[in-house]
């Protein structure tokens, strides 16, 4: 019924945030539009191993909808944008928080995964870098170190930069030059419209 109101309701859903749970999302219509654009956070939520409450039918069909209309060009751009934005926001000062490095590195490695494998990157950070990098890579022990700091709950303390990590990030931005993939097929909007109506009918 909210879609038939004269004045649409807010399309962002936010719940209480505490040390255990973090509720955030979008209403169905907005979520489908974002899925159509290859929105990275939404796709990660759909593949997350951590689930508070599940709707298997909805999740499976959203994943199928994206897989049938894959737009890895858009997904790459999404991760690249996250990497740039987090880098500018957290890693340009004299001191940095180690946890913020992980935000940027997660997005960069996701870009590399898409570039090399043309598939959806793993959600788990360790799985992502262990699949992409060899232990002999200079960045590998730095990632292990950053994860250890995060696990030990020291991520809130700011400190000196990690030179090897800074170079890895800088090299990525220089080499990528925002050369994204070209989409070979347009997104089938009719499929998204059909699924949207199917969801509303199921709810009623």
N, C-alpha and C. Protein backbone atom coordinates (compact mmCIF):
# COMPACT_ATOMS: atom_id res chain seq x y z
N UNK A 1 0.82 -1.21 0.00
CA UNK A 1 0.00 0.00 0.00
C UNK A 1 0.86 1.27 0.00
N UNK A 2 2.05 1.18 0.51
CA UNK A 2 2.90 2.37 0.57
C UNK A 2 3.23 2.89 -0.83
N UNK A 3 3.18 2.01 -1.83
CA UNK A 3 3.49 2.45 -3.20
C UNK A 3 2.31 3.17 -3.85
N UNK A 4 1.15 3.14 -3.22
CA UNK A 4 -0.02 3.82 -3.77
C UNK A 4 -0.34 5.12 -3.03
N UNK A 5 0.52 5.50 -2.10
CA UNK A 5 0.31 6.74 -1.37
C UNK A 5 0.59 7.95 -2.26
N UNK A 6 -0.07 9.06 -2.00
CA UNK A 6 0.16 10.28 -2.78
C UNK A 6 1.56 10.82 -2.54
N UNK A 7 2.05 10.64 -1.31
CA UNK A 7 3.39 11.11 -0.98
C UNK A 7 4.23 9.90 -0.54
N UNK A 8 5.20 9.51 -1.36
CA UNK A 8 5.98 8.29 -1.06
C UNK A 8 6.67 8.36 0.29
N UNK A 9 6.78 7.20 0.92
CA UNK A 9 7.49 7.11 2.18
C UNK A 9 9.00 7.10 1.93
N UNK A 10 9.77 7.32 2.98
CA UNK A 10 11.22 7.30 2.86
C UNK A 10 11.68 5.92 2.42
N UNK A 11 12.60 5.86 1.46
CA UNK A 11 13.00 4.57 0.90
C UNK A 11 14.26 3.99 1.54
N UNK A 12 14.74 4.63 2.61
CA UNK A 12 15.89 4.11 3.36
C UNK A 12 15.39 3.51 4.67
N UNK A 13 15.88 2.34 5.01
CA UNK A 13 15.47 1.65 6.23
C UNK A 13 16.67 1.61 7.17
N UNK A 14 16.51 2.15 8.36
CA UNK A 14 17.58 2.15 9.34
C UNK A 14 17.04 1.66 10.68
N UNK A 15 17.78 0.75 11.30
CA UNK A 15 17.35 0.21 12.58
C UNK A 15 18.34 0.56 13.66
N UNK A 16 18.10 0.09 14.86
CA UNK A 16 19.03 0.39 15.97
C UNK A 16 20.39 -0.26 15.72
N UNK A 17 21.44 0.47 16.05
CA UNK A 17 22.81 -0.02 15.90
C UNK A 17 23.42 -0.20 17.28
N UNK A 18 23.98 -1.36 17.53
CA UNK A 18 24.68 -1.58 18.79
C UNK A 18 25.98 -2.34 18.50
N UNK A 19 26.61 -2.88 19.52
CA UNK A 19 27.89 -3.55 19.33
C UNK A 19 27.75 -4.87 18.58
N UNK A 20 26.54 -5.39 18.49
CA UNK A 20 26.32 -6.70 17.85
C UNK A 20 25.67 -6.56 16.47
N UNK A 21 24.62 -5.75 16.40
CA UNK A 21 23.83 -5.68 15.16
C UNK A 21 23.85 -4.29 14.55
N UNK A 22 23.73 -4.28 13.23
CA UNK A 22 23.72 -3.03 12.47
C UNK A 22 22.68 -3.18 11.36
N UNK A 23 21.52 -2.54 11.53
CA UNK A 23 20.44 -2.68 10.55
C UNK A 23 20.40 -1.47 9.62
N UNK A 24 20.53 -1.73 8.33
CA UNK A 24 20.43 -0.66 7.34
C UNK A 24 20.03 -1.28 6.01
N UNK A 25 19.30 -0.55 5.21
CA UNK A 25 18.90 -1.09 3.92
C UNK A 25 17.98 -0.14 3.18
N UNK A 26 17.31 -0.67 2.17
CA UNK A 26 16.41 0.13 1.35
C UNK A 26 15.10 -0.61 1.14
N UNK A 27 14.07 0.12 0.77
CA UNK A 27 12.82 -0.54 0.44
C UNK A 27 13.01 -1.30 -0.88
N UNK A 28 12.07 -2.16 -1.21
CA UNK A 28 12.21 -3.07 -2.33
C UNK A 28 12.45 -2.35 -3.65
N UNK A 29 11.69 -1.30 -3.91
CA UNK A 29 11.82 -0.59 -5.18
C UNK A 29 13.22 -0.01 -5.36
N UNK A 30 13.71 0.66 -4.33
CA UNK A 30 15.05 1.25 -4.41
C UNK A 30 16.11 0.16 -4.49
N UNK A 31 15.92 -0.92 -3.74
CA UNK A 31 16.89 -2.02 -3.76
C UNK A 31 17.02 -2.61 -5.16
N UNK A 32 15.91 -2.78 -5.85
CA UNK A 32 15.95 -3.34 -7.20
C UNK A 32 16.65 -2.40 -8.17
N UNK A 33 16.43 -1.11 -8.01
CA UNK A 33 17.12 -0.14 -8.87
C UNK A 33 18.63 -0.18 -8.63
N UNK A 34 19.02 -0.32 -7.36
CA UNK A 34 20.44 -0.41 -7.03
C UNK A 34 21.04 -1.72 -7.51
N UNK A 35 20.29 -2.81 -7.40
CA UNK A 35 20.76 -4.10 -7.88
C UNK A 35 21.00 -4.04 -9.39
N UNK A 36 20.12 -3.35 -10.08
CA UNK A 36 20.24 -3.17 -11.53
C UNK A 36 21.55 -2.49 -11.89
N UNK A 37 22.02 -1.62 -10.98
CA UNK A 37 23.26 -0.87 -11.22
C UNK A 37 24.49 -1.58 -10.67
N UNK A 38 24.30 -2.78 -10.14
CA UNK A 38 25.43 -3.52 -9.58
C UNK A 38 25.94 -2.94 -8.29
N UNK A 39 25.03 -2.53 -7.40
CA UNK A 39 25.43 -1.94 -6.13
C UNK A 39 26.20 -2.93 -5.27
N UNK A 40 27.45 -2.60 -4.94
CA UNK A 40 28.33 -3.54 -4.25
C UNK A 40 27.83 -3.92 -2.85
N UNK A 41 27.45 -2.95 -1.99
CA UNK A 41 26.98 -3.35 -0.65
C UNK A 41 25.78 -4.29 -0.68
N UNK A 42 24.82 -4.03 -1.56
CA UNK A 42 23.64 -4.88 -1.65
C UNK A 42 24.02 -6.30 -2.07
N UNK A 43 24.90 -6.40 -3.05
CA UNK A 43 25.32 -7.73 -3.53
C UNK A 43 26.09 -8.47 -2.43
N UNK A 44 26.88 -7.73 -1.64
CA UNK A 44 27.58 -8.37 -0.52
C UNK A 44 26.60 -8.85 0.54
N UNK A 45 25.58 -8.05 0.82
CA UNK A 45 24.56 -8.47 1.80
C UNK A 45 23.90 -9.78 1.36
N UNK A 46 23.61 -9.90 0.09
CA UNK A 46 22.94 -11.09 -0.42
C UNK A 46 23.82 -12.34 -0.30
N UNK A 47 25.14 -12.14 -0.29
CA UNK A 47 26.06 -13.27 -0.22
C UNK A 47 26.75 -13.41 1.14
N UNK A 48 26.32 -12.60 2.09
CA UNK A 48 26.99 -12.61 3.40
C UNK A 48 26.77 -13.92 4.15
N UNK A 49 27.83 -14.46 4.78
CA UNK A 49 27.67 -15.66 5.59
C UNK A 49 26.99 -15.36 6.93
N UNK A 50 26.88 -14.07 7.28
CA UNK A 50 26.22 -13.67 8.53
C UNK A 50 24.81 -13.21 8.21
N UNK A 51 23.81 -13.88 8.77
CA UNK A 51 22.41 -13.57 8.48
C UNK A 51 21.65 -13.41 9.79
N UNK A 52 21.01 -12.26 9.98
CA UNK A 52 20.19 -12.04 11.17
C UNK A 52 18.84 -12.74 11.02
N UNK A 53 18.21 -12.49 9.88
CA UNK A 53 16.91 -13.08 9.60
C UNK A 53 16.80 -13.23 8.09
N UNK A 54 16.29 -14.37 7.64
CA UNK A 54 16.36 -14.69 6.21
C UNK A 54 14.98 -14.81 5.57
N UNK A 55 14.92 -14.46 4.30
CA UNK A 55 13.79 -14.74 3.44
C UNK A 55 14.37 -15.47 2.23
N UNK A 56 14.50 -16.80 2.32
CA UNK A 56 15.20 -17.56 1.28
C UNK A 56 14.68 -17.31 -0.13
N UNK A 57 13.34 -17.24 -0.28
CA UNK A 57 12.77 -17.02 -1.62
C UNK A 57 13.23 -15.69 -2.20
N UNK A 58 13.16 -14.64 -1.39
CA UNK A 58 13.55 -13.32 -1.88
C UNK A 58 15.04 -13.28 -2.18
N UNK A 59 15.86 -13.78 -1.27
CA UNK A 59 17.31 -13.73 -1.48
C UNK A 59 17.73 -14.51 -2.72
N UNK A 60 17.21 -15.72 -2.86
CA UNK A 60 17.57 -16.55 -4.01
C UNK A 60 17.16 -15.89 -5.32
N UNK A 61 15.99 -15.26 -5.33
CA UNK A 61 15.53 -14.63 -6.57
C UNK A 61 16.27 -13.34 -6.88
N UNK A 62 16.68 -12.60 -5.86
CA UNK A 62 17.48 -11.40 -6.10
C UNK A 62 18.85 -11.78 -6.66
N UNK A 63 19.44 -12.84 -6.11
CA UNK A 63 20.73 -13.31 -6.62
C UNK A 63 20.59 -13.77 -8.07
N UNK A 64 19.52 -14.52 -8.34
CA UNK A 64 19.28 -15.00 -9.71
C UNK A 64 19.06 -13.83 -10.66
N UNK A 65 18.33 -12.82 -10.21
CA UNK A 65 18.05 -11.66 -11.04
C UNK A 65 19.35 -10.97 -11.44
N UNK A 66 20.25 -10.81 -10.47
CA UNK A 66 21.53 -10.18 -10.80
C UNK A 66 22.37 -11.08 -11.69
N UNK A 67 22.44 -12.37 -11.37
CA UNK A 67 23.26 -13.29 -12.16
C UNK A 67 22.79 -13.38 -13.61
N UNK A 68 21.47 -13.28 -13.80
CA UNK A 68 20.93 -13.35 -15.16
C UNK A 68 21.14 -12.06 -15.94
N UNK A 69 21.44 -10.98 -15.21
CA UNK A 69 21.62 -9.68 -15.86
C UNK A 69 22.92 -9.03 -15.36
N UNK A 70 23.98 -9.83 -15.27
CA UNK A 70 25.23 -9.36 -14.67
C UNK A 70 25.75 -8.10 -15.36
N UNK A 71 26.14 -7.14 -14.54
CA UNK A 71 26.77 -5.94 -15.04
C UNK A 71 28.05 -5.72 -14.23
N UNK A 72 29.10 -6.44 -14.60
CA UNK A 72 30.34 -6.36 -13.83
C UNK A 72 31.07 -5.05 -14.04
N UNK A 73 30.76 -4.37 -15.14
CA UNK A 73 31.29 -3.03 -15.36
C UNK A 73 30.82 -2.12 -14.23
N UNK A 74 29.52 -2.15 -13.96
CA UNK A 74 28.95 -1.30 -12.90
C UNK A 74 29.46 -1.73 -11.53
N UNK A 75 29.59 -3.03 -11.32
CA UNK A 75 30.07 -3.54 -10.03
C UNK A 75 31.51 -3.09 -9.78
N UNK A 76 32.33 -3.14 -10.83
CA UNK A 76 33.72 -2.68 -10.72
C UNK A 76 33.74 -1.19 -10.37
N UNK A 77 32.93 -0.41 -11.06
CA UNK A 77 32.89 1.04 -10.80
C UNK A 77 32.46 1.31 -9.36
N UNK A 78 31.51 0.50 -8.87
CA UNK A 78 31.04 0.67 -7.50
C UNK A 78 32.16 0.45 -6.49
N UNK A 79 32.92 -0.63 -6.66
CA UNK A 79 34.03 -0.91 -5.75
C UNK A 79 35.14 0.13 -5.90
N UNK A 80 35.39 0.56 -7.13
CA UNK A 80 36.42 1.57 -7.36
C UNK A 80 36.03 2.87 -6.64
N UNK A 81 34.75 3.23 -6.74
CA UNK A 81 34.27 4.44 -6.07
C UNK A 81 34.41 4.34 -4.57
N UNK A 82 34.10 3.16 -4.01
CA UNK A 82 34.25 2.96 -2.56
C UNK A 82 35.71 3.10 -2.15
N UNK A 83 36.62 2.54 -2.96
CA UNK A 83 38.05 2.63 -2.65
C UNK A 83 38.51 4.08 -2.64
N UNK A 84 38.15 4.83 -3.66
CA UNK A 84 38.55 6.24 -3.76
C UNK A 84 37.98 7.05 -2.60
N UNK A 85 36.70 6.90 -2.35
CA UNK A 85 36.04 7.69 -1.30
C UNK A 85 36.61 7.39 0.08
N UNK A 86 36.83 6.11 0.38
CA UNK A 86 37.38 5.75 1.69
C UNK A 86 38.84 6.19 1.82
N UNK A 87 39.57 6.13 0.71
CA UNK A 87 40.96 6.59 0.73
C UNK A 87 41.02 8.08 1.06
N UNK A 88 40.21 8.87 0.37
CA UNK A 88 40.22 10.32 0.61
C UNK A 88 39.73 10.66 2.02
N UNK A 89 38.78 9.88 2.51
CA UNK A 89 38.19 10.18 3.82
C UNK A 89 39.08 9.78 4.99
N UNK A 90 39.84 8.69 4.83
CA UNK A 90 40.51 8.12 6.00
C UNK A 90 42.03 7.98 5.91
N UNK A 91 42.61 8.02 4.71
CA UNK A 91 44.03 7.65 4.60
C UNK A 91 44.93 8.78 4.10
N UNK A 92 44.46 10.00 4.12
CA UNK A 92 45.28 11.10 3.60
C UNK A 92 45.88 11.97 4.71
N UNK A 93 45.59 11.66 5.94
CA UNK A 93 46.13 12.43 7.06
C UNK A 93 47.50 11.95 7.48
N UNK A 94 48.07 12.62 8.47
CA UNK A 94 49.40 12.24 8.97
C UNK A 94 49.36 10.92 9.73
N UNK A 95 48.24 10.65 10.38
CA UNK A 95 48.07 9.37 11.06
C UNK A 95 46.83 8.67 10.51
N UNK A 96 46.79 7.35 10.66
CA UNK A 96 45.67 6.57 10.13
C UNK A 96 45.24 5.52 11.14
N UNK A 97 43.99 5.09 11.04
CA UNK A 97 43.51 3.97 11.83
C UNK A 97 43.62 2.71 10.97
N UNK A 98 44.29 1.67 11.46
CA UNK A 98 44.50 0.46 10.65
C UNK A 98 43.22 -0.10 10.04
N UNK A 99 42.10 -0.02 10.77
CA UNK A 99 40.85 -0.57 10.26
C UNK A 99 40.44 0.11 8.96
N UNK A 100 40.76 1.39 8.81
CA UNK A 100 40.38 2.13 7.60
C UNK A 100 41.13 1.62 6.38
N UNK A 101 42.34 1.14 6.60
CA UNK A 101 43.08 0.52 5.49
C UNK A 101 42.28 -0.65 4.91
N UNK A 102 41.67 -1.42 5.80
CA UNK A 102 40.93 -2.60 5.35
C UNK A 102 39.75 -2.23 4.47
N UNK A 103 39.10 -1.09 4.75
CA UNK A 103 38.00 -0.62 3.91
C UNK A 103 38.47 -0.42 2.47
N UNK A 104 39.60 0.26 2.34
CA UNK A 104 40.13 0.57 1.01
C UNK A 104 40.63 -0.70 0.32
N UNK A 105 41.38 -1.51 1.06
CA UNK A 105 41.96 -2.73 0.48
C UNK A 105 40.88 -3.72 0.06
N UNK A 106 39.82 -3.81 0.84
CA UNK A 106 38.71 -4.71 0.49
C UNK A 106 38.14 -4.34 -0.88
N UNK A 107 37.94 -3.05 -1.13
CA UNK A 107 37.38 -2.61 -2.40
C UNK A 107 38.37 -2.80 -3.55
N UNK A 108 39.64 -2.53 -3.29
CA UNK A 108 40.66 -2.69 -4.33
C UNK A 108 40.79 -4.15 -4.75
N UNK A 109 40.83 -5.05 -3.76
CA UNK A 109 40.94 -6.47 -4.08
C UNK A 109 39.68 -6.98 -4.77
N UNK A 110 38.52 -6.41 -4.43
CA UNK A 110 37.29 -6.79 -5.13
C UNK A 110 37.38 -6.37 -6.60
N UNK A 111 37.95 -5.20 -6.86
CA UNK A 111 38.15 -4.75 -8.24
C UNK A 111 39.05 -5.72 -8.99
N UNK A 112 40.14 -6.12 -8.33
CA UNK A 112 41.07 -7.06 -8.96
C UNK A 112 40.40 -8.40 -9.23
N UNK A 113 39.55 -8.83 -8.31
CA UNK A 113 38.83 -10.10 -8.49
C UNK A 113 37.93 -10.02 -9.73
N UNK A 114 37.19 -8.93 -9.84
CA UNK A 114 36.28 -8.77 -10.99
C UNK A 114 37.09 -8.71 -12.28
N UNK A 115 38.20 -8.00 -12.25
CA UNK A 115 39.03 -7.85 -13.44
C UNK A 115 39.59 -9.20 -13.90
N UNK A 116 40.02 -10.01 -12.94
CA UNK A 116 40.66 -11.28 -13.27
C UNK A 116 39.66 -12.41 -13.53
N UNK A 117 38.54 -12.40 -12.79
CA UNK A 117 37.65 -13.57 -12.82
C UNK A 117 36.26 -13.28 -13.33
N UNK A 118 35.94 -11.99 -13.48
CA UNK A 118 34.63 -11.61 -14.01
C UNK A 118 33.50 -12.32 -13.25
N UNK A 119 33.60 -12.28 -11.93
CA UNK A 119 32.57 -12.89 -11.09
C UNK A 119 32.45 -12.08 -9.80
N UNK A 120 31.48 -12.42 -8.97
CA UNK A 120 31.25 -11.70 -7.73
C UNK A 120 32.34 -12.05 -6.71
N UNK A 121 33.01 -11.06 -6.14
CA UNK A 121 34.09 -11.34 -5.17
C UNK A 121 33.55 -11.98 -3.89
N UNK A 122 34.37 -12.77 -3.22
CA UNK A 122 33.96 -13.34 -1.93
C UNK A 122 33.70 -12.23 -0.91
N UNK A 123 32.81 -12.49 0.01
CA UNK A 123 32.51 -11.50 1.04
C UNK A 123 33.61 -11.47 2.10
N UNK A 124 34.13 -12.63 2.47
CA UNK A 124 35.14 -12.70 3.52
C UNK A 124 36.48 -12.15 3.02
N UNK A 125 37.04 -11.21 3.76
CA UNK A 125 38.27 -10.54 3.33
C UNK A 125 39.43 -11.51 3.18
N UNK A 126 39.59 -12.41 4.15
CA UNK A 126 40.71 -13.36 4.09
C UNK A 126 40.60 -14.25 2.85
N UNK A 127 39.41 -14.73 2.58
CA UNK A 127 39.20 -15.57 1.39
C UNK A 127 39.54 -14.79 0.13
N UNK A 128 39.21 -13.52 0.10
CA UNK A 128 39.46 -12.68 -1.06
C UNK A 128 40.95 -12.56 -1.34
N UNK A 129 41.74 -12.18 -0.33
CA UNK A 129 43.16 -11.95 -0.63
C UNK A 129 43.96 -13.25 -0.72
N UNK A 130 43.52 -14.30 -0.02
CA UNK A 130 44.24 -15.57 -0.13
C UNK A 130 44.06 -16.19 -1.52
N UNK A 131 42.93 -15.93 -2.16
CA UNK A 131 42.69 -16.44 -3.50
C UNK A 131 43.44 -15.63 -4.56
N UNK A 132 43.63 -14.34 -4.31
CA UNK A 132 44.22 -13.45 -5.31
C UNK A 132 45.74 -13.34 -5.19
N UNK A 133 46.26 -13.40 -3.97
CA UNK A 133 47.67 -13.11 -3.74
C UNK A 133 48.44 -14.34 -3.27
N UNK A 134 49.73 -14.33 -3.56
CA UNK A 134 50.61 -15.39 -3.05
C UNK A 134 51.25 -14.87 -1.77
N UNK A 135 51.59 -15.77 -0.84
CA UNK A 135 52.22 -15.34 0.41
C UNK A 135 53.53 -14.57 0.21
N UNK A 136 54.13 -14.73 -0.97
CA UNK A 136 55.39 -14.02 -1.24
C UNK A 136 55.17 -12.56 -1.65
N UNK A 137 53.93 -12.19 -1.94
CA UNK A 137 53.65 -10.81 -2.34
C UNK A 137 53.94 -9.87 -1.17
N UNK A 138 54.59 -8.73 -1.42
CA UNK A 138 54.95 -7.81 -0.32
C UNK A 138 53.75 -7.37 0.52
N UNK A 139 52.58 -7.26 -0.11
CA UNK A 139 51.40 -6.78 0.61
C UNK A 139 50.82 -7.86 1.52
N UNK A 140 51.11 -9.14 1.25
CA UNK A 140 50.47 -10.24 1.97
C UNK A 140 50.69 -10.19 3.48
N UNK A 141 51.94 -10.10 3.95
CA UNK A 141 52.14 -10.04 5.42
C UNK A 141 51.55 -8.78 6.04
N UNK A 142 51.45 -7.71 5.25
CA UNK A 142 50.85 -6.48 5.76
C UNK A 142 49.36 -6.67 6.01
N UNK A 143 48.71 -7.42 5.13
CA UNK A 143 47.29 -7.72 5.31
C UNK A 143 47.09 -8.57 6.56
N UNK A 144 47.98 -9.54 6.75
CA UNK A 144 47.90 -10.38 7.95
C UNK A 144 48.05 -9.52 9.21
N UNK A 145 48.97 -8.58 9.15
CA UNK A 145 49.23 -7.70 10.29
C UNK A 145 48.00 -6.82 10.58
N UNK A 146 47.39 -6.26 9.53
CA UNK A 146 46.22 -5.40 9.71
C UNK A 146 45.05 -6.18 10.30
N UNK A 147 44.86 -7.40 9.83
CA UNK A 147 43.77 -8.23 10.35
C UNK A 147 44.00 -8.57 11.82
N UNK A 148 45.25 -8.84 12.16
CA UNK A 148 45.56 -9.16 13.55
C UNK A 148 45.26 -7.97 14.46
N UNK A 149 45.61 -6.78 14.01
CA UNK A 149 45.33 -5.57 14.78
C UNK A 149 43.82 -5.41 14.97
N UNK A 150 43.06 -5.66 13.90
CA UNK A 150 41.61 -5.53 13.98
C UNK A 150 41.01 -6.54 14.96
N UNK A 151 41.47 -7.78 14.89
CA UNK A 151 40.96 -8.84 15.77
C UNK A 151 41.27 -8.52 17.23
N UNK A 152 42.42 -7.91 17.47
CA UNK A 152 42.81 -7.58 18.84
C UNK A 152 42.15 -6.30 19.34
N UNK A 153 41.21 -5.78 18.51
CA UNK A 153 40.41 -4.61 18.89
C UNK A 153 41.26 -3.36 19.12
N UNK A 154 42.33 -3.24 18.34
CA UNK A 154 43.17 -2.05 18.45
C UNK A 154 42.90 -1.07 17.30
N UNK A 155 41.83 -1.33 16.54
CA UNK A 155 41.60 -0.55 15.33
C UNK A 155 41.25 0.91 15.60
N UNK A 156 40.88 1.22 16.83
CA UNK A 156 40.46 2.59 17.11
C UNK A 156 41.65 3.54 17.29
N UNK A 157 42.81 2.99 17.58
CA UNK A 157 43.97 3.84 17.81
C UNK A 157 44.63 4.21 16.48
N UNK A 158 44.84 5.52 16.27
CA UNK A 158 45.49 6.00 15.06
C UNK A 158 46.99 5.96 15.23
N UNK A 159 47.69 5.72 14.14
CA UNK A 159 49.15 5.65 14.21
C UNK A 159 49.78 5.98 12.88
N UNK A 160 51.02 5.56 12.73
CA UNK A 160 51.77 5.87 11.52
C UNK A 160 51.23 5.07 10.32
N UNK A 161 51.54 5.58 9.14
CA UNK A 161 51.15 4.91 7.91
C UNK A 161 51.91 3.60 7.74
N UNK A 162 51.35 2.71 6.94
CA UNK A 162 52.01 1.46 6.55
C UNK A 162 52.54 1.68 5.13
N UNK A 163 53.85 1.95 4.96
CA UNK A 163 54.40 2.32 3.64
C UNK A 163 54.11 1.30 2.53
N UNK A 164 54.23 0.02 2.85
CA UNK A 164 53.99 -1.02 1.82
C UNK A 164 52.54 -0.99 1.37
N UNK A 165 51.64 -0.79 2.31
CA UNK A 165 50.21 -0.73 1.97
C UNK A 165 49.91 0.53 1.18
N UNK A 166 50.51 1.64 1.58
CA UNK A 166 50.31 2.90 0.84
C UNK A 166 50.76 2.74 -0.61
N UNK A 167 51.90 2.08 -0.82
CA UNK A 167 52.40 1.88 -2.19
C UNK A 167 51.47 0.98 -2.99
N UNK A 168 50.95 -0.06 -2.35
CA UNK A 168 50.03 -0.98 -3.03
C UNK A 168 48.78 -0.23 -3.50
N UNK A 169 48.24 0.62 -2.64
CA UNK A 169 47.05 1.39 -2.97
C UNK A 169 47.36 2.39 -4.08
N UNK A 170 48.49 3.08 -3.94
CA UNK A 170 48.88 4.08 -4.93
C UNK A 170 49.09 3.44 -6.30
N UNK A 171 49.74 2.29 -6.33
CA UNK A 171 49.98 1.58 -7.60
C UNK A 171 48.66 1.19 -8.26
N UNK A 172 47.71 0.75 -7.44
CA UNK A 172 46.41 0.35 -8.01
C UNK A 172 45.74 1.54 -8.69
N UNK A 173 45.69 2.68 -8.01
CA UNK A 173 45.03 3.84 -8.59
C UNK A 173 45.75 4.32 -9.86
N UNK A 174 47.07 4.22 -9.87
CA UNK A 174 47.83 4.66 -11.06
C UNK A 174 47.61 3.72 -12.24
N UNK A 175 47.58 2.42 -11.96
CA UNK A 175 47.48 1.43 -13.03
C UNK A 175 46.06 1.30 -13.58
N UNK A 176 45.08 1.45 -12.71
CA UNK A 176 43.70 1.21 -13.16
C UNK A 176 43.22 2.29 -14.10
N UNK A 177 43.54 3.56 -13.79
CA UNK A 177 43.11 4.67 -14.65
C UNK A 177 41.62 4.61 -14.96
N UNK A 178 40.86 3.98 -14.08
CA UNK A 178 39.42 3.85 -14.25
C UNK A 178 39.06 3.21 -15.59
N UNK A 179 39.85 2.23 -16.01
CA UNK A 179 39.55 1.50 -17.24
C UNK A 179 38.60 0.36 -16.90
N UNK A 180 37.30 0.63 -16.99
CA UNK A 180 36.31 -0.36 -16.61
C UNK A 180 35.96 -1.25 -17.79
N UNK A 181 35.26 -2.32 -17.48
CA UNK A 181 34.76 -3.20 -18.52
C UNK A 181 33.65 -2.50 -19.29
N UNK A 182 33.41 -2.99 -20.47
CA UNK A 182 32.28 -2.48 -21.25
C UNK A 182 31.15 -3.49 -21.18
N UNK A 183 29.96 -3.04 -20.82
CA UNK A 183 28.83 -3.94 -20.73
C UNK A 183 28.44 -4.40 -22.13
N UNK A 184 28.29 -5.71 -22.31
CA UNK A 184 27.95 -6.24 -23.63
C UNK A 184 26.45 -6.29 -23.84
N UNK A 185 25.69 -6.39 -22.77
CA UNK A 185 24.25 -6.49 -22.87
C UNK A 185 23.59 -5.45 -21.98
N UNK A 186 22.55 -4.76 -22.47
CA UNK A 186 21.83 -3.82 -21.60
C UNK A 186 21.05 -4.58 -20.53
N UNK A 187 20.86 -3.94 -19.39
CA UNK A 187 20.09 -4.56 -18.31
C UNK A 187 18.64 -4.69 -18.76
N UNK A 188 18.06 -5.85 -18.51
CA UNK A 188 16.68 -6.10 -18.89
C UNK A 188 15.74 -5.52 -17.82
N UNK A 189 15.33 -4.28 -18.04
CA UNK A 189 14.49 -3.59 -17.06
C UNK A 189 13.17 -4.31 -16.87
N UNK A 190 12.66 -4.93 -17.94
CA UNK A 190 11.38 -5.64 -17.85
C UNK A 190 11.44 -6.76 -16.82
N UNK A 191 12.59 -7.43 -16.71
CA UNK A 191 12.75 -8.51 -15.73
C UNK A 191 12.65 -7.97 -14.31
N UNK A 192 13.24 -6.80 -14.09
CA UNK A 192 13.19 -6.18 -12.76
C UNK A 192 11.78 -5.70 -12.44
N UNK A 193 11.10 -5.13 -13.42
CA UNK A 193 9.71 -4.71 -13.22
C UNK A 193 8.82 -5.90 -12.89
N UNK A 194 9.02 -6.99 -13.63
CA UNK A 194 8.21 -8.19 -13.42
C UNK A 194 8.41 -8.73 -12.01
N UNK A 195 9.68 -8.76 -11.57
CA UNK A 195 9.97 -9.30 -10.25
C UNK A 195 9.42 -8.39 -9.16
N UNK A 196 9.49 -7.08 -9.36
CA UNK A 196 8.95 -6.13 -8.39
C UNK A 196 7.46 -6.38 -8.17
N UNK A 197 6.72 -6.52 -9.25
CA UNK A 197 5.28 -6.77 -9.14
C UNK A 197 5.00 -8.14 -8.52
N UNK A 198 5.85 -9.12 -8.84
CA UNK A 198 5.67 -10.45 -8.26
C UNK A 198 5.85 -10.40 -6.75
N UNK A 199 6.81 -9.62 -6.27
CA UNK A 199 7.04 -9.49 -4.83
C UNK A 199 5.86 -8.84 -4.15
N UNK A 200 5.31 -7.80 -4.75
CA UNK A 200 4.17 -7.11 -4.15
C UNK A 200 2.96 -8.04 -4.08
N UNK A 201 2.76 -8.82 -5.11
CA UNK A 201 1.64 -9.76 -5.10
C UNK A 201 1.84 -10.82 -4.02
N UNK A 202 3.06 -11.28 -3.85
CA UNK A 202 3.33 -12.29 -2.82
C UNK A 202 3.06 -11.74 -1.43
N UNK A 203 3.39 -10.47 -1.20
CA UNK A 203 3.17 -9.87 0.10
C UNK A 203 1.67 -9.70 0.40
N UNK A 204 0.88 -9.55 -0.65
CA UNK A 204 -0.56 -9.36 -0.47
C UNK A 204 -1.32 -10.68 -0.52
